[in-house]
Amino acid sequence: MEKIDYRTTIVFKLKDKIGALCDALTPFKKNNISLTRIISRPHKKEWEYIFFIEIKGNLKDLKVKKALEELEKYTNYIRVYNSYPLKVL
């Protein structure tokens, strides 16, 4: 039987404070979720950045839901795009 692995793409903007990115990534560590990609881009204001991340997991997974709920506490803006399957041999 073939195993299907999922990835979920998320975009968020953080509050401007020391350790903000570390705090925002903690929910993923606590819920044992791997990040497969993280990209930062400058936003409109100086010293304001937007982060694009890709995680292993499906939006239907309880641990992913818990991590995203906790992530909301640290962000000014969050958008969860969707989960998509990857075939693993």
Protein backbone atom coordinates (compact mmCIF):
# COMPACT_ATOMS: atom_id res chain seq x y z
CA MET A 1 0.00 0.00 0.00
CA GLU A 2 1.26 3.45 -0.90
CA LYS A 3 1.70 6.01 1.88
CA ILE A 4 0.61 9.57 1.16
CA ASP A 5 2.49 12.37 2.88
CA TYR A 6 0.91 15.83 3.20
CA ARG A 7 2.28 19.36 3.28
CA THR A 8 0.47 22.49 4.44
CA THR A 9 1.36 26.04 3.40
CA ILE A 10 0.95 28.97 5.80
CA VAL A 11 1.70 32.70 5.59
CA PHE A 12 1.96 34.91 8.66
CA LYS A 13 3.20 38.29 9.86
CA LEU A 14 4.72 38.70 13.30
CA LYS A 15 4.60 41.36 15.95
CA ASP A 16 7.86 43.36 16.01
CA LYS A 17 9.59 42.09 19.14
CA ILE A 18 12.68 40.17 20.12
CA GLY A 19 12.19 36.41 19.81
CA ALA A 20 8.96 36.70 17.81
CA LEU A 21 9.96 34.12 15.20
CA CYS A 22 11.20 31.70 17.85
CA ASP A 23 7.92 32.05 19.75
CA ALA A 24 5.88 31.55 16.56
CA LEU A 25 7.71 28.32 15.69
CA THR A 26 7.37 26.82 19.18
CA PRO A 27 3.83 25.42 18.59
CA PHE A 28 5.22 23.30 15.76
CA LYS A 29 7.97 21.92 17.97
CA LYS A 30 5.53 21.23 20.82
CA ASN A 31 3.27 19.29 18.46
CA ASN A 32 6.13 17.40 16.80
CA ILE A 33 5.57 18.97 13.36
CA SER A 34 8.46 19.37 10.93
CA LEU A 35 8.94 22.51 8.88
CA THR A 36 10.02 21.71 5.33
CA ARG A 37 10.41 25.31 4.16
CA ILE A 38 10.61 28.80 5.65
CA ILE A 39 10.96 31.99 3.60
CA SER A 40 10.90 35.57 4.87
CA ARG A 41 10.12 38.64 2.80
CA PRO A 42 10.05 42.31 3.78
CA HIS A 43 6.59 43.78 4.15
CA LYS A 44 5.35 47.36 3.64
CA LYS A 45 6.77 48.91 6.82
CA GLU A 46 10.43 48.99 7.77
CA TRP A 47 11.45 46.03 9.96
CA GLU A 48 8.23 44.21 9.21
CA TYR A 49 8.45 40.78 7.62
CA ILE A 50 6.06 38.20 6.29
CA PHE A 51 6.89 34.50 6.61
CA PHE A 52 5.92 31.70 4.26
CA ILE A 53 6.23 28.25 5.82
CA GLU A 54 5.50 24.75 4.69
CA ILE A 55 4.95 22.03 7.28
CA LYS A 56 4.58 18.27 7.21
CA GLY A 57 0.99 17.41 7.99
CA ASN A 58 -2.61 17.80 6.95
CA LEU A 59 -5.11 20.41 8.15
CA LYS A 60 -7.28 17.48 9.23
CA ASP A 61 -4.63 16.32 11.72
CA LEU A 62 -5.38 17.25 15.33
CA LYS A 63 -1.77 18.21 16.06
CA VAL A 64 -1.72 20.58 13.05
CA LYS A 65 -4.97 22.21 14.19
CA LYS A 66 -3.56 22.68 17.70
CA ALA A 67 -0.32 24.20 16.40
CA LEU A 68 -2.16 26.66 14.14
CA GLU A 69 -4.48 27.76 16.95
CA GLU A 70 -1.46 28.47 19.13
CA LEU A 71 0.40 30.22 16.29
CA GLU A 72 -2.45 32.75 16.03
CA LYS A 73 -1.46 34.12 19.46
CA TYR A 74 1.86 35.33 18.07
CA THR A 75 0.82 36.78 14.71
CA ASN A 76 -0.62 40.01 13.36
CA TYR A 77 -1.87 38.17 10.29
CA ILE A 78 -2.17 34.51 9.35
CA ARG A 79 -3.47 32.73 6.28
CA VAL A 80 -3.52 28.98 5.90
CA TYR A 81 -3.60 28.12 2.22
CA ASN A 82 -4.24 24.40 2.11
CA SER A 83 -2.85 20.91 2.47
CA TYR A 84 -1.73 18.93 -0.53
CA PRO A 85 -0.58 15.32 -0.91
CA LEU A 86 2.91 14.17 -1.82
CA LYS A 87 3.57 10.60 -2.83
CA VAL A 88 6.31 8.91 -0.84
CA LEU A 89 7.89 5.78 -2.25
